[in-house]
C-alpha atoms as a PDB file:
ATOM      1  CA  MET A   1      64.424   1.471 121.173  1.00  0.00           C
ATOM      2  CA  ASP A   2      66.150   2.012 124.500  1.00  0.00           C
ATOM      3  CA  GLN A   3      67.632   5.488 124.824  1.00  0.00           C
ATOM      4  CA  GLY A   4      69.450   4.761 128.049  1.00  0.00           C
ATOM      5  CA  PRO A   5      69.572   6.997 131.111  1.00  0.00           C
ATOM      6  CA  HIS A   6      67.956  10.179 129.904  1.00  0.00           C
ATOM      7  CA  ASP A   7      66.771  12.970 132.149  1.00  0.00           C
ATOM      8  CA  LYS A   8      63.271  14.001 131.150  1.00  0.00           C
ATOM      9  CA  LEU A   9      64.011  17.594 132.109  1.00  0.00           C
ATOM     10  CA  HIS A  10      67.210  17.612 130.012  1.00  0.00           C
ATOM     11  CA  TRP A  11      69.015  19.428 132.825  1.00  0.00           C
ATOM     12  CA  GLY A  12      72.555  18.388 131.940  1.00  0.00           C
ATOM     13  CA  CYS A  13      72.232  18.249 128.191  1.00  0.00           C
ATOM     14  CA  CYS A  14      69.940  21.153 127.372  1.00  0.00           C
ATOM     15  CA  TRP A  15      69.463  23.510 130.312  1.00  0.00           C
ATOM     16  CA  MET A  16      73.072  23.889 131.485  1.00  0.00           C
ATOM     17  CA  PRO A  17      74.430  25.231 128.176  1.00  0.00           C
ATOM     18  CA  TRP A  18      71.547  27.699 127.989  1.00  0.00           C
ATOM     19  CA  ALA A  19      72.138  28.705 131.608  1.00  0.00           C
ATOM     20  CA  GLY A  20      75.791  29.317 130.732  1.00  0.00           C
ATOM     21  CA  ARG A  21      74.822  31.529 127.808  1.00  0.00           C
ATOM     22  CA  GLY A  22      72.351  33.448 129.947  1.00  0.00           C
ATOM     23  CA  LEU A  23      74.946  33.989 132.655  1.00  0.00           C
ATOM     24  CA  TRP A  24      77.416  35.269 130.061  1.00  0.00           C
ATOM     25  CA  ILE A  25      74.862  37.823 128.885  1.00  0.00           C
ATOM     26  CA  LEU A  26      73.976  38.892 132.426  1.00  0.00           C
ATOM     27  CA  SER A  27      77.657  39.159 133.327  1.00  0.00           C
ATOM     28  CA  PHE A  28      78.328  41.335 130.315  1.00  0.00           C
ATOM     29  CA  LEU A  29      75.410  43.588 131.228  1.00  0.00           C
ATOM     30  CA  ALA A  30      76.726  43.828 134.806  1.00  0.00           C
ATOM     31  CA  LEU A  31      80.109  44.851 133.438  1.00  0.00           C
ATOM     32  CA  ILE A  32      78.458  47.553 131.340  1.00  0.00           C
ATOM     33  CA  GLY A  33      76.524  48.645 134.441  1.00  0.00           C
ATOM     34  CA  GLY A  34      79.826  48.935 136.317  1.00  0.00           C
ATOM     35  CA  LEU A  35      81.331  51.063 133.570  1.00  0.00           C
ATOM     36  CA  VAL A  36      78.281  53.322 133.529  1.00  0.00           C
ATOM     37  CA  ALA A  37      78.381  53.600 137.327  1.00  0.00           C
ATOM     38  CA  LEU A  38      82.049  54.550 137.215  1.00  0.00           C
ATOM     39  CA  ALA A  39      81.364  57.164 134.547  1.00  0.00           C
ATOM     40  CA  ARG A  40      78.495  58.630 136.622  1.00  0.00           C
ATOM     41  CA  GLY A  41      80.622  59.075 139.697  1.00  0.00           C
ATOM     42  CA  GLY A  42      80.297  55.732 141.448  1.00  0.00           C
ATOM     43  CA  GLU A  43      76.654  54.587 141.308  1.00  0.00           C
ATOM     44  CA  PHE A  44      74.144  53.424 138.742  1.00  0.00           C
ATOM     45  CA  TYR A  45      70.566  52.687 139.865  1.00  0.00           C
ATOM     46  CA  GLY A  46      71.783  53.156 143.422  1.00  0.00           C
ATOM     47  CA  VAL A  47      74.335  50.342 143.121  1.00  0.00           C
ATOM     48  CA  ALA A  48      78.051  51.024 143.553  1.00  0.00           C
ATOM     49  CA  TYR A  49      80.391  50.257 140.668  1.00  0.00           C
ATOM     50  CA  LEU A  50      82.299  47.641 142.688  1.00  0.00           C
ATOM     51  CA  THR A  51      79.076  45.704 143.226  1.00  0.00           C
ATOM     52  CA  TRP A  52      78.465  45.737 139.466  1.00  0.00           C
ATOM     53  CA  TYR A  53      81.993  44.467 138.842  1.00  0.00           C
ATOM     54  CA  TRP A  54      81.731  41.720 141.447  1.00  0.00           C
ATOM     55  CA  ASN A  55      78.415  40.591 139.980  1.00  0.00           C
ATOM     56  CA  ALA A  56      80.040  40.458 136.544  1.00  0.00           C
ATOM     57  CA  LEU A  57      82.973  38.444 137.898  1.00  0.00           C
ATOM     58  CA  VAL A  58      80.865  35.941 139.829  1.00  0.00           C
ATOM     59  CA  GLY A  59      78.435  35.540 136.932  1.00  0.00           C
ATOM     60  CA  GLY A  60      81.316  34.937 134.528  1.00  0.00           C
ATOM     61  CA  VAL A  61      82.801  32.250 136.750  1.00  0.00           C
ATOM     62  CA  LEU A  62      79.421  30.541 137.088  1.00  0.00           C
ATOM     63  CA  ALA A  63      78.944  30.756 133.316  1.00  0.00           C
ATOM     64  CA  LEU A  64      82.293  29.051 132.775  1.00  0.00           C
ATOM     65  CA  GLY A  65      81.224  26.247 135.087  1.00  0.00           C
ATOM     66  CA  ALA A  66      77.922  25.808 133.290  1.00  0.00           C
ATOM     67  CA  LYS A  67      79.495  25.892 129.832  1.00  0.00           C
ATOM     68  CA  ALA A  68      82.334  23.542 130.804  1.00  0.00           C
ATOM     69  CA  SER A  69      79.905  20.906 132.025  1.00  0.00           C
ATOM     70  CA  LYS A  70      80.693  17.490 130.587  1.00  0.00           C
ATOM     71  CA  HIS A  71      76.992  16.749 130.020  1.00  0.00           C
ATOM     72  CA  HIS A  72      76.310  18.906 126.997  1.00  0.00           C
ATOM     73  CA  TRP A  73      74.785  16.143 124.919  1.00  0.00           C
ATOM     74  CA  CYS A  74      71.939  13.812 125.683  1.00  0.00           C
ATOM     75  CA  TRP A  75      72.867  10.163 126.033  1.00  0.00           C
ATOM     76  CA  HIS A  76      71.147   9.117 122.820  1.00  0.00           C
ATOM     77  CA  GLN A  77      72.912  11.903 120.878  1.00  0.00           C
ATOM     78  CA  LYS A  78      76.290  10.575 122.030  1.00  0.00           C
ATOM     79  CA  GLN A  79      75.338   7.164 120.666  1.00  0.00           C
ATOM     80  CA  GLY A  80      74.738   8.601 117.193  1.00  0.00           C
ATOM     81  CA  GLN A  81      71.028   7.912 117.134  1.00  0.00           C
END
């Protein structure tokens, strides 16, 4: 049975959604790191709170791009097989 054009690494259908989830988690942790840095007077692990916030923002935007990818299903799953 022909399954059509299917990436053996499942990059678009399997890895991108997981990358989006991982980036969401890392972004949330960066946001928490920024809040802790702000509460400690400006730094946490030697990193300024603005750096934590920027990392959270950039990671969140990248996570949105990964989660909004139009290739979240493998070709053969779209065909109902």
